[in-house]
Amino acid sequence: MGLLHIIYKKPSGKLAKDRLKILLISDRLNCSPEMMEMIKMDIAKVISKYMQVDAQSMEIQITREAARGRVMKSPILYANVPIMDMKH
């Protein structure tokens, strides 16, 4: 993991942009950055029971989209979870 982590490390500008996007989305949904981080860690904890994940590179975002047959937009959680290995 050490060498691969260095090779695939995000540039600081990209990381700052991603954090700002999460902050703006969470602000619109009244979800604090601390709450977003807690959600991220909880998701990583549950998934790590079954596979090895890179929680530091994990990205989550909450958006609002219209659900099928609904006029109101519902919050939707998207998670990008880098899987490093499967547990057997």
Protein backbone atom coordinates (compact mmCIF):
# COMPACT_ATOMS: atom_id res chain seq x y z
CA MET A 1 0.00 0.00 0.00
CA GLY A 2 2.84 2.42 0.77
CA LEU A 3 4.17 2.85 -2.77
CA LEU A 4 0.76 2.73 -4.45
CA HIS A 5 -0.56 5.32 -2.02
CA ILE A 6 2.20 7.74 -3.07
CA ILE A 7 1.64 7.12 -6.79
CA TYR A 8 -2.15 7.58 -6.64
CA LYS A 9 -2.21 10.43 -4.11
CA LYS A 10 -4.52 13.25 -5.15
CA PRO A 11 -2.99 16.66 -5.82
CA SER A 12 -3.79 19.16 -3.07
CA GLY A 13 -5.85 21.32 -5.45
CA LYS A 14 -8.08 18.39 -6.38
CA LEU A 15 -8.44 17.41 -2.73
CA ALA A 16 -9.40 20.98 -1.76
CA LYS A 17 -11.93 21.13 -4.60
CA ASP A 18 -13.49 17.81 -3.49
CA ARG A 19 -13.70 19.00 0.11
CA LEU A 20 -15.33 22.25 -0.97
CA LYS A 21 -17.92 20.36 -3.04
CA ILE A 22 -18.75 18.16 -0.04
CA LEU A 23 -18.99 21.24 2.18
CA LEU A 24 -21.37 23.01 -0.22
CA ILE A 25 -23.60 19.96 -0.65
CA SER A 26 -23.68 19.23 3.07
CA ASP A 27 -24.53 22.88 3.76
CA ARG A 28 -27.50 22.74 1.39
CA LEU A 29 -28.76 19.58 3.11
CA ASN A 30 -28.09 20.85 6.65
CA CYS A 31 -25.52 18.09 7.16
CA SER A 32 -22.35 19.33 8.86
CA PRO A 33 -18.89 18.35 7.59
CA GLU A 34 -18.41 16.49 10.88
CA MET A 35 -21.58 14.49 10.21
CA MET A 36 -20.38 13.73 6.66
CA GLU A 37 -17.07 12.46 8.08
CA MET A 38 -18.91 10.30 10.62
CA ILE A 39 -21.07 8.82 7.83
CA LYS A 40 -17.94 8.14 5.78
CA MET A 41 -16.20 6.38 8.68
CA ASP A 42 -19.31 4.32 9.49
CA ILE A 43 -19.60 3.17 5.87
CA ALA A 44 -15.89 2.26 5.81
CA LYS A 45 -16.24 0.35 9.10
CA VAL A 46 -19.15 -1.75 7.83
CA ILE A 47 -17.61 -2.51 4.44
CA SER A 48 -14.25 -3.36 6.03
CA LYS A 49 -15.91 -6.38 7.70
CA TYR A 50 -16.02 -7.97 4.24
CA MET A 51 -13.16 -6.37 2.32
CA GLN A 52 -10.10 -4.21 2.86
CA VAL A 53 -10.85 -0.62 1.87
CA ASP A 54 -8.82 2.58 1.64
CA ALA A 55 -10.90 4.81 3.94
CA GLN A 56 -8.60 7.81 3.37
CA SER A 57 -9.30 7.81 -0.38
CA MET A 58 -13.00 7.13 0.06
CA GLU A 59 -15.34 9.82 -1.25
CA ILE A 60 -18.97 10.37 -0.34
CA GLN A 61 -21.40 12.95 -1.56
CA ILE A 62 -25.04 13.73 -1.01
CA THR A 63 -27.11 15.20 -3.81
CA ARG A 64 -30.76 15.89 -4.37
CA GLU A 65 -32.49 14.18 -7.26
CA ALA A 66 -36.10 13.57 -8.16
CA ALA A 67 -37.13 10.04 -7.27
CA ARG A 68 -39.27 8.00 -9.63
CA GLY A 69 -42.79 9.32 -9.73
CA ARG A 70 -42.07 12.11 -7.24
CA VAL A 71 -42.04 15.83 -7.78
CA MET A 72 -39.95 16.60 -4.69
CA LYS A 73 -36.23 15.91 -4.83
CA SER A 74 -34.90 13.33 -2.38
CA PRO A 75 -31.37 13.27 -0.94
CA ILE A 76 -29.20 10.54 -2.46
CA LEU A 77 -25.90 9.33 -1.02
CA TYR A 78 -23.15 8.33 -3.45
CA ALA A 79 -20.03 6.56 -2.14
CA ASN A 80 -16.80 5.85 -4.01
CA VAL A 81 -15.01 3.21 -1.92
CA PRO A 82 -11.57 2.01 -3.12
CA ILE A 83 -11.42 -1.76 -2.46
CA MET A 84 -7.89 -2.97 -1.87
CA ASP A 85 -8.56 -6.67 -1.25
CA MET A 86 -11.34 -9.13 -0.46
CA LYS A 87 -11.46 -10.86 2.92
CA HIS A 88 -12.09 -14.58 2.83
